[in-house]
Amino acid sequence: MAPLYFEIYDSHNARYENNYDITVLADAGWGYRKIAKHMGMPVSTVQGVVKCYQAQGSTSIHDADNPGHPTKISHLIQQQIEILVQKDPQASLSEITEELHVTG
């Protein structure tokens, strides 16, 4: 069988794209070691992804919601921080904090 080729994108969703690629390769009959070598990751990572996928189906490709502590900042403040960082990516934490205090 000719090897399958999957392009791995470098994005914020790369982890989920990698998990998807791992499950597709496993469904195609590839072994853990072959997938790990192809994807450039540890065999244990591949085993974990495949075992979760086999146990839980496609929902296991994405992480479950984190039931941890809620964030200490509001959604509005988080948006303001993102806007400030987009305006000046080189701004220091103290500059961003000062700007937040000035704008309220």
PDB file of N, CA and C in Angstrom:
ATOM      1  N   MET A   1       0.842  -1.171   0.000  1.00  0.00           N
ATOM      2  CA  MET A   1       0.000   0.000   0.000  1.00  0.00           C
ATOM      3  C   MET A   1       0.890   1.237   0.000  1.00  0.00           C
ATOM      4  N   ALA A   2       0.573   2.194  -0.861  1.00  0.00           N
ATOM      5  CA  ALA A   2       1.353   3.431  -0.936  1.00  0.00           C
ATOM      6  C   ALA A   2       1.105   4.258   0.314  1.00  0.00           C
ATOM      7  N   PRO A   3       2.159   4.901   0.838  1.00  0.00           N
ATOM      8  CA  PRO A   3       1.966   5.702   2.050  1.00  0.00           C
ATOM      9  C   PRO A   3       1.061   6.897   1.790  1.00  0.00           C
ATOM     10  N   LEU A   4       0.243   7.197   2.759  1.00  0.00           N
ATOM     11  CA  LEU A   4      -0.624   8.370   2.680  1.00  0.00           C
ATOM     12  C   LEU A   4       0.184   9.600   3.040  1.00  0.00           C
ATOM     13  N   TYR A   5      -0.175  10.735   2.474  1.00  0.00           N
ATOM     14  CA  TYR A   5       0.524  11.969   2.787  1.00  0.00           C
ATOM     15  C   TYR A   5      -0.483  12.954   3.335  1.00  0.00           C
ATOM     16  N   PHE A   6      -0.182  13.497   4.486  1.00  0.00           N
ATOM     17  CA  PHE A   6      -1.021  14.520   5.091  1.00  0.00           C
ATOM     18  C   PHE A   6      -0.155  15.720   5.408  1.00  0.00           C
ATOM     19  N   GLU A   7      -0.560  16.882   4.940  1.00  0.00           N
ATOM     20  CA  GLU A   7       0.171  18.104   5.248  1.00  0.00           C
ATOM     21  C   GLU A   7      -0.261  18.575   6.628  1.00  0.00           C
ATOM     22  N   ILE A   8       0.712  18.871   7.468  1.00  0.00           N
ATOM     23  CA  ILE A   8       0.422  19.328   8.823  1.00  0.00           C
ATOM     24  C   ILE A   8       0.569  20.841   8.851  1.00  0.00           C
ATOM     25  N   TYR A   9      -0.501  21.543   9.176  1.00  0.00           N
ATOM     26  CA  TYR A   9      -0.500  22.999   9.181  1.00  0.00           C
ATOM     27  C   TYR A   9      -0.071  23.517  10.540  1.00  0.00           C
ATOM     28  N   ASP A  10       0.636  24.636  10.535  1.00  0.00           N
ATOM     29  CA  ASP A  10       1.057  25.267  11.779  1.00  0.00           C
ATOM     30  C   ASP A  10       0.046  26.353  12.097  1.00  0.00           C
ATOM     31  N   SER A  11      -0.905  26.031  12.935  1.00  0.00           N
ATOM     32  CA  SER A  11      -1.935  26.993  13.314  1.00  0.00           C
ATOM     33  C   SER A  11      -2.338  26.720  14.756  1.00  0.00           C
ATOM     34  N   HIS A  12      -3.247  27.548  15.268  1.00  0.00           N
ATOM     35  CA  HIS A  12      -3.683  27.335  16.644  1.00  0.00           C
ATOM     36  C   HIS A  12      -4.480  26.041  16.781  1.00  0.00           C
ATOM     37  N   ASN A  13      -4.950  25.501  15.678  1.00  0.00           N
ATOM     38  CA  ASN A  13      -5.668  24.234  15.710  1.00  0.00           C
ATOM     39  C   ASN A  13      -4.798  23.061  15.286  1.00  0.00           C
ATOM     40  N   ALA A  14      -3.491  23.263  15.208  1.00  0.00           N
ATOM     41  CA  ALA A  14      -2.595  22.208  14.730  1.00  0.00           C
ATOM     42  C   ALA A  14      -2.721  20.946  15.571  1.00  0.00           C
ATOM     43  N   ARG A  15      -2.917  21.101  16.868  1.00  0.00           N
ATOM     44  CA  ARG A  15      -3.038  19.927  17.735  1.00  0.00           C
ATOM     45  C   ARG A  15      -4.211  19.060  17.308  1.00  0.00           C
ATOM     46  N   TYR A  16      -5.352  19.691  17.034  1.00  0.00           N
ATOM     47  CA  TYR A  16      -6.534  18.934  16.645  1.00  0.00           C
ATOM     48  C   TYR A  16      -6.386  18.377  15.239  1.00  0.00           C
ATOM     49  N   GLU A  17      -5.722  19.125  14.363  1.00  0.00           N
ATOM     50  CA  GLU A  17      -5.462  18.622  13.018  1.00  0.00           C
ATOM     51  C   GLU A  17      -4.541  17.409  13.092  1.00  0.00           C
ATOM     52  N   ASN A  18      -3.528  17.460  13.954  1.00  0.00           N
ATOM     53  CA  ASN A  18      -2.637  16.314  14.143  1.00  0.00           C
ATOM     54  C   ASN A  18      -3.408  15.122  14.692  1.00  0.00           C
ATOM     55  N   ASN A  19      -4.267  15.354  15.676  1.00  0.00           N
ATOM     56  CA  ASN A  19      -5.062  14.262  16.234  1.00  0.00           C
ATOM     57  C   ASN A  19      -5.944  13.637  15.160  1.00  0.00           C
ATOM     58  N   TYR A  20      -6.527  14.468  14.319  1.00  0.00           N
ATOM     59  CA  TYR A  20      -7.364  13.961  13.232  1.00  0.00           C
ATOM     60  C   TYR A  20      -6.524  13.122  12.271  1.00  0.00           C
ATOM     61  N   ASP A  21      -5.352  13.641  11.897  1.00  0.00           N
ATOM     62  CA  ASP A  21      -4.472  12.904  10.988  1.00  0.00           C
ATOM     63  C   ASP A  21      -4.071  11.559  11.582  1.00  0.00           C
ATOM     64  N   ILE A  22      -3.774  11.545  12.880  1.00  0.00           N
ATOM     65  CA  ILE A  22      -3.398  10.297  13.551  1.00  0.00           C
ATOM     66  C   ILE A  22      -4.534   9.285  13.451  1.00  0.00           C
ATOM     67  N   THR A  23      -5.761   9.720  13.700  1.00  0.00           N
ATOM     68  CA  THR A  23      -6.888   8.788  13.660  1.00  0.00           C
ATOM     69  C   THR A  23      -7.143   8.280  12.247  1.00  0.00           C
ATOM     70  N   VAL A  24      -6.963   9.138  11.251  1.00  0.00           N
ATOM     71  CA  VAL A  24      -7.150   8.708   9.859  1.00  0.00           C
ATOM     72  C   VAL A  24      -6.107   7.663   9.486  1.00  0.00           C
ATOM     73  N   LEU A  25      -4.855   7.917   9.855  1.00  0.00           N
ATOM     74  CA  LEU A  25      -3.792   6.963   9.546  1.00  0.00           C
ATOM     75  C   LEU A  25      -4.018   5.634  10.268  1.00  0.00           C
ATOM     76  N   ALA A  26      -4.475   5.693  11.512  1.00  0.00           N
ATOM     77  CA  ALA A  26      -4.750   4.463  12.260  1.00  0.00           C
ATOM     78  C   ALA A  26      -5.892   3.684  11.605  1.00  0.00           C
ATOM     79  N   ASP A  27      -6.925   4.404  11.163  1.00  0.00           N
ATOM     80  CA  ASP A  27      -8.039   3.747  10.468  1.00  0.00           C
ATOM     81  C   ASP A  27      -7.593   3.141   9.142  1.00  0.00           C
ATOM     82  N   ALA A  28      -6.540   3.733   8.539  1.00  0.00           N
ATOM     83  CA  ALA A  28      -6.014   3.223   7.270  1.00  0.00           C
ATOM     84  C   ALA A  28      -5.118   1.998   7.482  1.00  0.00           C
ATOM     85  N   GLY A  29      -4.902   1.626   8.744  1.00  0.00           N
ATOM     86  CA  GLY A  29      -4.142   0.427   9.029  1.00  0.00           C
ATOM     87  C   GLY A  29      -2.691   0.646   9.415  1.00  0.00           C
ATOM     88  N   TRP A  30      -2.283   1.890   9.579  1.00  0.00           N
ATOM     89  CA  TRP A  30      -0.904   2.171   9.979  1.00  0.00           C
ATOM     90  C   TRP A  30      -0.717   1.793  11.445  1.00  0.00           C
ATOM     91  N   GLY A  31       0.480   1.344  11.794  1.00  0.00           N
ATOM     92  CA  GLY A  31       0.811   1.027  13.177  1.00  0.00           C
ATOM     93  C   GLY A  31       1.232   2.271  13.940  1.00  0.00           C
ATOM     94  N   TYR A  32       1.271   2.151  15.276  1.00  0.00           N
ATOM     95  CA  TYR A  32       1.650   3.284  16.121  1.00  0.00           C
ATOM     96  C   TYR A  32       3.029   3.830  15.765  1.00  0.00           C
ATOM     97  N   ARG A  33       4.000   2.937  15.608  1.00  0.00           N
ATOM     98  CA  ARG A  33       5.370   3.388  15.325  1.00  0.00           C
ATOM     99  C   ARG A  33       5.462   4.109  13.989  1.00  0.00           C
ATOM    100  N   LYS A  34       4.782   3.569  12.981  1.00  0.00           N
ATOM    101  CA  LYS A  34       4.824   4.177  11.649  1.00  0.00           C
ATOM    102  C   LYS A  34       4.180   5.570  11.674  1.00  0.00           C
ATOM    103  N   ILE A  35       3.058   5.689  12.370  1.00  0.00           N
ATOM    104  CA  ILE A  35       2.390   6.995  12.488  1.00  0.00           C
ATOM    105  C   ILE A  35       3.288   7.972  13.238  1.00  0.00           C
ATOM    106  N   ALA A  36       3.875   7.508  14.346  1.00  0.00           N
ATOM    107  CA  ALA A  36       4.736   8.377  15.159  1.00  0.00           C
ATOM    108  C   ALA A  36       5.914   8.885  14.346  1.00  0.00           C
ATOM    109  N   LYS A  37       6.525   8.014  13.571  1.00  0.00           N
ATOM    110  CA  LYS A  37       7.666   8.421  12.745  1.00  0.00           C
ATOM    111  C   LYS A  37       7.218   9.419  11.678  1.00  0.00           C
ATOM    112  N   HIS A  38       6.084   9.147  11.047  1.00  0.00           N
ATOM    113  CA  HIS A  38       5.562  10.032   9.997  1.00  0.00           C
ATOM    114  C   HIS A  38       5.198  11.413  10.549  1.00  0.00           C
ATOM    115  N   MET A  39       4.604  11.433  11.740  1.00  0.00           N
ATOM    116  CA  MET A  39       4.145  12.687  12.329  1.00  0.00           C
ATOM    117  C   MET A  39       5.230  13.386  13.137  1.00  0.00           C
ATOM    118  N   GLY A  40       6.330  12.674  13.446  1.00  0.00           N
ATOM    119  CA  GLY A  40       7.413  13.279  14.213  1.00  0.00           C
ATOM    120  C   GLY A  40       7.056  13.490  15.674  1.00  0.00           C
ATOM    121  N   MET A  41       6.412  12.500  16.265  1.00  0.00           N
ATOM    122  CA  MET A  41       6.019  12.616  17.667  1.00  0.00           C
ATOM    123  C   MET A  41       6.216  11.276  18.365  1.00  0.00           C
ATOM    124  N   PRO A  42       6.182  11.268  19.699  1.00  0.00           N
ATOM    125  CA  PRO A  42       6.392  10.022  20.435  1.00  0.00           C
ATOM    126  C   PRO A  42       5.291   8.991  20.170  1.00  0.00           C
ATOM    127  N   VAL A  43       5.672   7.722  20.229  1.00  0.00           N
ATOM    128  CA  VAL A  43       4.715   6.632  20.046  1.00  0.00           C
ATOM    129  C   VAL A  43       3.620   6.703  21.111  1.00  0.00           C
ATOM    130  N   SER A  44       3.987   7.074  22.333  1.00  0.00           N
ATOM    131  CA  SER A  44       2.997   7.137  23.417  1.00  0.00           C
ATOM    132  C   SER A  44       1.903   8.166  23.127  1.00  0.00           C
ATOM    133  N   THR A  45       2.261   9.264  22.464  1.00  0.00           N
ATOM    134  CA  THR A  45       1.262  10.271  22.090  1.00  0.00           C
ATOM    135  C   THR A  45       0.282   9.684  21.087  1.00  0.00           C
ATOM    136  N   VAL A  46       0.821   9.004  20.086  1.00  0.00           N
ATOM    137  CA  VAL A  46      -0.024   8.379  19.064  1.00  0.00           C
ATOM    138  C   VAL A  46      -0.942   7.341  19.714  1.00  0.00           C
ATOM    139  N   GLN A  47      -0.389   6.511  20.601  1.00  0.00           N
ATOM    140  CA  GLN A  47      -1.196   5.501  21.282  1.00  0.00           C
ATOM    141  C   GLN A  47      -2.342   6.143  22.059  1.00  0.00           C
ATOM    142  N   GLY A  48      -2.037   7.214  22.769  1.00  0.00           N
ATOM    143  CA  GLY A  48      -3.065   7.890  23.560  1.00  0.00           C
ATOM    144  C   GLY A  48      -4.187   8.443  22.705  1.00  0.00           C
ATOM    145  N   VAL A  49      -3.830   9.079  21.590  1.00  0.00           N
ATOM    146  CA  VAL A  49      -4.841   9.658  20.702  1.00  0.00           C
ATOM    147  C   VAL A  49      -5.704   8.555  20.103  1.00  0.00           C
ATOM    148  N   VAL A  50      -5.072   7.493  19.618  1.00  0.00           N
ATOM    149  CA  VAL A  50      -5.819   6.403  18.981  1.00  0.00           C
ATOM    150  C   VAL A  50      -6.717   5.700  19.994  1.00  0.00           C
ATOM    151  N   LYS A  51      -6.212   5.437  21.185  1.00  0.00           N
ATOM    152  CA  LYS A  51      -7.021   4.752  22.198  1.00  0.00           C
ATOM    153  C   LYS A  51      -8.222   5.595  22.624  1.00  0.00           C
ATOM    154  N   CYS A  52      -8.023   6.903  22.789  1.00  0.00           N
ATOM    155  CA  CYS A  52      -9.153   7.791  23.121  1.00  0.00           C
ATOM    156  C   CYS A  52     -10.171   7.800  21.992  1.00  0.00           C
ATOM    157  N   TYR A  53      -9.675   7.860  20.764  1.00  0.00           N
ATOM    158  CA  TYR A  53     -10.563   7.887  19.602  1.00  0.00           C
ATOM    159  C   TYR A  53     -11.371   6.592  19.524  1.00  0.00           C
ATOM    160  N   GLN A  54     -10.712   5.460  19.758  1.00  0.00           N
ATOM    161  CA  GLN A  54     -11.417   4.177  19.694  1.00  0.00           C
ATOM    162  C   GLN A  54     -12.453   4.058  20.812  1.00  0.00           C
ATOM    163  N   ALA A  55     -12.150   4.613  21.974  1.00  0.00           N
ATOM    164  CA  ALA A  55     -13.065   4.514  23.113  1.00  0.00           C
ATOM    165  C   ALA A  55     -14.216   5.512  23.031  1.00  0.00           C
ATOM    166  N   GLN A  56     -13.930   6.730  22.545  1.00  0.00           N
ATOM    167  CA  GLN A  56     -14.921   7.808  22.619  1.00  0.00           C
ATOM    168  C   GLN A  56     -15.400   8.308  21.268  1.00  0.00           C
ATOM    169  N   GLY A  57     -14.791   7.891  20.186  1.00  0.00           N
ATOM    170  CA  GLY A  57     -15.194   8.357  18.867  1.00  0.00           C
ATOM    171  C   GLY A  57     -14.609   9.714  18.549  1.00  0.00           C
ATOM    172  N   SER A  58     -15.224  10.409  17.603  1.00  0.00           N
ATOM    173  CA  SER A  58     -14.667  11.667  17.096  1.00  0.00           C
ATOM    174  C   SER A  58     -14.639  12.781  18.132  1.00  0.00           C
ATOM    175  N   THR A  59     -15.418  12.662  19.206  1.00  0.00           N
ATOM    176  CA  THR A  59     -15.418  13.717  20.223  1.00  0.00           C
ATOM    177  C   THR A  59     -14.101  13.772  20.979  1.00  0.00           C
ATOM    178  N   SER A  60     -13.326  12.681  20.944  1.00  0.00           N
ATOM    179  CA  SER A  60     -12.069  12.660  21.695  1.00  0.00           C
ATOM    180  C   SER A  60     -10.956  13.416  20.988  1.00  0.00           C
ATOM    181  N   ILE A  61     -11.171  13.826  19.744  1.00  0.00           N
ATOM    182  CA  ILE A  61     -10.138  14.566  19.015  1.00  0.00           C
ATOM    183  C   ILE A  61      -9.932  15.929  19.662  1.00  0.00           C
ATOM    184  N   HIS A  62     -10.994  16.512  20.202  1.00  0.00           N
ATOM    185  CA  HIS A  62     -10.902  17.810  20.873  1.00  0.00           C
ATOM    186  C   HIS A  62     -10.879  17.608  22.383  1.00  0.00           C
ATOM    187  N   ASP A  63     -10.248  18.532  23.078  1.00  0.00           N
ATOM    188  CA  ASP A  63     -10.186  18.461  24.530  1.00  0.00           C
ATOM    189  C   ASP A  63     -11.566  18.706  25.136  1.00  0.00           C
ATOM    190  N   ALA A  64     -11.810  18.099  26.272  1.00  0.00           N
ATOM    191  CA  ALA A  64     -13.045  18.351  27.010  1.00  0.00           C
ATOM    192  C   ALA A  64     -12.970  19.743  27.634  1.00  0.00           C
ATOM    193  N   ASP A  65     -14.129  20.302  27.955  1.00  0.00           N
ATOM    194  CA  ASP A  65     -14.143  21.597  28.629  1.00  0.00           C
ATOM    195  C   ASP A  65     -13.384  21.488  29.938  1.00  0.00           C
ATOM    196  N   ASN A  66     -12.650  22.547  30.270  1.00  0.00           N
ATOM    197  CA  ASN A  66     -11.861  22.555  31.489  1.00  0.00           C
ATOM    198  C   ASN A  66     -12.744  23.007  32.649  1.00  0.00           C
ATOM    199  N   PRO A  67     -12.974  22.149  33.630  1.00  0.00           N
ATOM    200  CA  PRO A  67     -13.839  22.525  34.741  1.00  0.00           C
ATOM    201  C   PRO A  67     -13.111  23.307  35.831  1.00  0.00           C
ATOM    202  N   GLY A  68     -11.941  23.814  35.545  1.00  0.00           N
ATOM    203  CA  GLY A  68     -11.129  24.512  36.539  1.00  0.00           C
ATOM    204  C   GLY A  68     -11.719  25.842  36.969  1.00  0.00           C
ATOM    205  N   HIS A  69     -10.916  26.612  37.650  1.00  0.00           N
ATOM    206  CA  HIS A  69     -11.340  27.911  38.156  1.00  0.00           C
ATOM    207  C   HIS A  69     -11.715  28.846  37.009  1.00  0.00           C
ATOM    208  N   PRO A  70     -12.737  29.672  37.206  1.00  0.00           N
ATOM    209  CA  PRO A  70     -13.065  30.659  36.178  1.00  0.00           C
ATOM    210  C   PRO A  70     -11.968  31.718  36.100  1.00  0.00           C
ATOM    211  N   THR A  71     -11.888  32.393  34.963  1.00  0.00           N
ATOM    212  CA  THR A  71     -10.866  33.422  34.810  1.00  0.00           C
ATOM    213  C   THR A  71     -11.137  34.574  35.760  1.00  0.00           C
ATOM    214  N   LYS A  72     -10.087  35.281  36.126  1.00  0.00           N
ATOM    215  CA  LYS A  72     -10.225  36.392  37.065  1.00  0.00           C
ATOM    216  C   LYS A  72     -10.528  37.706  36.361  1.00  0.00           C
ATOM    217  N   ILE A  73     -10.448  37.711  35.035  1.00  0.00           N
ATOM    218  CA  ILE A  73     -10.766  38.932  34.299  1.00  0.00           C
ATOM    219  C   ILE A  73     -12.035  38.704  33.490  1.00  0.00           C
ATOM    220  N   SER A  74     -12.765  39.775  33.271  1.00  0.00           N
ATOM    221  CA  SER A  74     -14.012  39.662  32.523  1.00  0.00           C
ATOM    222  C   SER A  74     -13.714  39.524  31.031  1.00  0.00           C
ATOM    223  N   HIS A  75     -14.733  39.112  30.313  1.00  0.00           N
ATOM    224  CA  HIS A  75     -14.604  38.966  28.862  1.00  0.00           C
ATOM    225  C   HIS A  75     -14.282  40.320  28.216  1.00  0.00           C
ATOM    226  N   LEU A  76     -14.878  41.389  28.728  1.00  0.00           N
ATOM    227  CA  LEU A  76     -14.641  42.735  28.194  1.00  0.00           C
ATOM    228  C   LEU A  76     -13.179  43.144  28.364  1.00  0.00           C
ATOM    229  N   ILE A  77     -12.613  42.908  29.534  1.00  0.00           N
ATOM    230  CA  ILE A  77     -11.205  43.274  29.777  1.00  0.00           C
ATOM    231  C   ILE A  77     -10.290  42.439  28.888  1.00  0.00           C
ATOM    232  N   GLN A  78     -10.628  41.173  28.716  1.00  0.00           N
ATOM    233  CA  GLN A  78      -9.823  40.312  27.851  1.00  0.00           C
ATOM    234  C   GLN A  78      -9.822  40.852  26.419  1.00  0.00           C
ATOM    235  N   GLN A  79     -10.969  41.317  25.939  1.00  0.00           N
ATOM    236  CA  GLN A  79     -11.046  41.905  24.600  1.00  0.00           C
ATOM    237  C   GLN A  79     -10.209  43.179  24.517  1.00  0.00           C
ATOM    238  N   GLN A  80     -10.260  44.014  25.566  1.00  0.00           N
ATOM    239  CA  GLN A  80      -9.468  45.243  25.580  1.00  0.00           C
ATOM    240  C   GLN A  80      -7.976  44.926  25.535  1.00  0.00           C
ATOM    241  N   ILE A  81      -7.555  43.910  26.265  1.00  0.00           N
ATOM    242  CA  ILE A  81      -6.144  43.511  26.254  1.00  0.00           C
ATOM    243  C   ILE A  81      -5.742  43.052  24.860  1.00  0.00           C
ATOM    244  N   GLU A  82      -6.585  42.252  24.220  1.00  0.00           N
ATOM    245  CA  GLU A  82      -6.283  41.772  22.873  1.00  0.00           C
ATOM    246  C   GLU A  82      -6.148  42.931  21.893  1.00  0.00           C
ATOM    247  N   ILE A  83      -7.014  43.933  22.014  1.00  0.00           N
ATOM    248  CA  ILE A  83      -6.945  45.107  21.135  1.00  0.00           C
ATOM    249  C   ILE A  83      -5.648  45.868  21.368  1.00  0.00           C
ATOM    250  N   LEU A  84      -5.285  46.065  22.639  1.00  0.00           N
ATOM    251  CA  LEU A  84      -4.042  46.779  22.957  1.00  0.00           C
ATOM    252  C   LEU A  84      -2.817  46.032  22.429  1.00  0.00           C
ATOM    253  N   VAL A  85      -2.814  44.729  22.549  1.00  0.00           N
ATOM    254  CA  VAL A  85      -1.672  43.940  22.069  1.00  0.00           C
ATOM    255  C   VAL A  85      -1.605  43.973  20.545  1.00  0.00           C
ATOM    256  N   GLN A  86      -2.755  43.970  19.883  1.00  0.00           N
ATOM    257  CA  GLN A  86      -2.759  44.058  18.421  1.00  0.00           C
ATOM    258  C   GLN A  86      -2.235  45.408  17.954  1.00  0.00           C
ATOM    259  N   LYS A  87      -2.583  46.474  18.694  1.00  0.00           N
ATOM    260  CA  LYS A  87      -2.092  47.812  18.340  1.00  0.00           C
ATOM    261  C   LYS A  87      -0.592  47.916  18.518  1.00  0.00           C
ATOM    262  N   ASP A  88      -0.087  47.366  19.623  1.00  0.00           N
ATOM    263  CA  ASP A  88       1.348  47.449  19.922  1.00  0.00           C
ATOM    264  C   ASP A  88       1.833  46.108  20.471  1.00  0.00           C
ATOM    265  N   PRO A  89       2.233  45.189  19.572  1.00  0.00           N
ATOM    266  CA  PRO A  89       2.669  43.864  20.020  1.00  0.00           C
ATOM    267  C   PRO A  89       3.908  43.893  20.916  1.00  0.00           C
ATOM    268  N   GLN A  90       4.681  44.958  20.877  1.00  0.00           N
ATOM    269  CA  GLN A  90       5.901  45.053  21.675  1.00  0.00           C
ATOM    270  C   GLN A  90       5.669  45.705  23.037  1.00  0.00           C
ATOM    271  N   ALA A  91       4.415  46.030  23.354  1.00  0.00           N
ATOM    272  CA  ALA A  91       4.108  46.693  24.627  1.00  0.00           C
ATOM    273  C   ALA A  91       4.409  45.763  25.795  1.00  0.00           C
ATOM    274  N   SER A  92       4.938  46.342  26.858  1.00  0.00           N
ATOM    275  CA  SER A  92       5.243  45.553  28.054  1.00  0.00           C
ATOM    276  C   SER A  92       3.973  45.365  28.882  1.00  0.00           C
ATOM    277  N   LEU A  93       4.038  44.457  29.831  1.00  0.00           N
ATOM    278  CA  LEU A  93       2.901  44.209  30.708  1.00  0.00           C
ATOM    279  C   LEU A  93       2.524  45.467  31.484  1.00  0.00           C
ATOM    280  N   SER A  94       3.527  46.203  31.960  1.00  0.00           N
ATOM    281  CA  SER A  94       3.234  47.420  32.723  1.00  0.00           C
ATOM    282  C   SER A  94       2.573  48.476  31.836  1.00  0.00           C
ATOM    283  N   GLU A  95       2.975  48.578  30.575  1.00  0.00           N
ATOM    284  CA  GLU A  95       2.342  49.540  29.658  1.00  0.00           C
ATOM    285  C   GLU A  95       0.888  49.154  29.394  1.00  0.00           C
ATOM    286  N   ILE A  96       0.636  47.877  29.209  1.00  0.00           N
ATOM    287  CA  ILE A  96      -0.735  47.422  28.968  1.00  0.00           C
ATOM    288  C   ILE A  96      -1.590  47.657  30.208  1.00  0.00           C
ATOM    289  N   THR A  97      -1.047  47.348  31.380  1.00  0.00           N
ATOM    290  CA  THR A  97      -1.772  47.554  32.632  1.00  0.00           C
ATOM    291  C   THR A  97      -2.098  49.025  32.832  1.00  0.00           C
ATOM    292  N   GLU A  98      -1.118  49.888  32.574  1.00  0.00           N
ATOM    293  CA  GLU A  98      -1.337  51.336  32.712  1.00  0.00           C
ATOM    294  C   GLU A  98      -2.429  51.805  31.759  1.00  0.00           C
ATOM    295  N   GLU A  99      -2.394  51.344  30.529  1.00  0.00           N
ATOM    296  CA  GLU A  99      -3.400  51.736  29.539  1.00  0.00           C
ATOM    297  C   GLU A  99      -4.794  51.256  29.967  1.00  0.00           C
ATOM    298  N   LEU A 100      -4.881  50.084  30.540  1.00  0.00           N
ATOM    299  CA  LEU A 100      -6.175  49.584  31.022  1.00  0.00           C
ATOM    300  C   LEU A 100      -6.710  50.446  32.161  1.00  0.00           C
ATOM    301  N   HIS A 101      -5.811  50.902  33.055  1.00  0.00           N
ATOM    302  CA  HIS A 101      -6.237  51.762  34.159  1.00  0.00           C
ATOM    303  C   HIS A 101      -6.689  53.126  33.644  1.00  0.00           C
ATOM    304  N   VAL A 102      -6.033  53.638  32.601  1.00  0.00           N
ATOM    305  CA  VAL A 102      -6.379  54.949  32.040  1.00  0.00           C
ATOM    306  C   VAL A 102      -7.733  54.880  31.345  1.00  0.00           C
ATOM    307  N   THR A 103      -7.946  53.828  30.545  1.00  0.00           N
ATOM    308  CA  THR A 103      -9.192  53.733  29.784  1.00  0.00           C
ATOM    309  C   THR A 103     -10.353  53.221  30.624  1.00  0.00           C
ATOM    310  N   GLY A 104     -10.048  52.651  31.772  1.00  0.00           N
ATOM    311  CA  GLY A 104     -11.099  52.203  32.683  1.00  0.00           C
ATOM    312  C   GLY A 104     -11.559  50.854  32.343  1.00  0.00           C
TER     313      GLY A 104
END
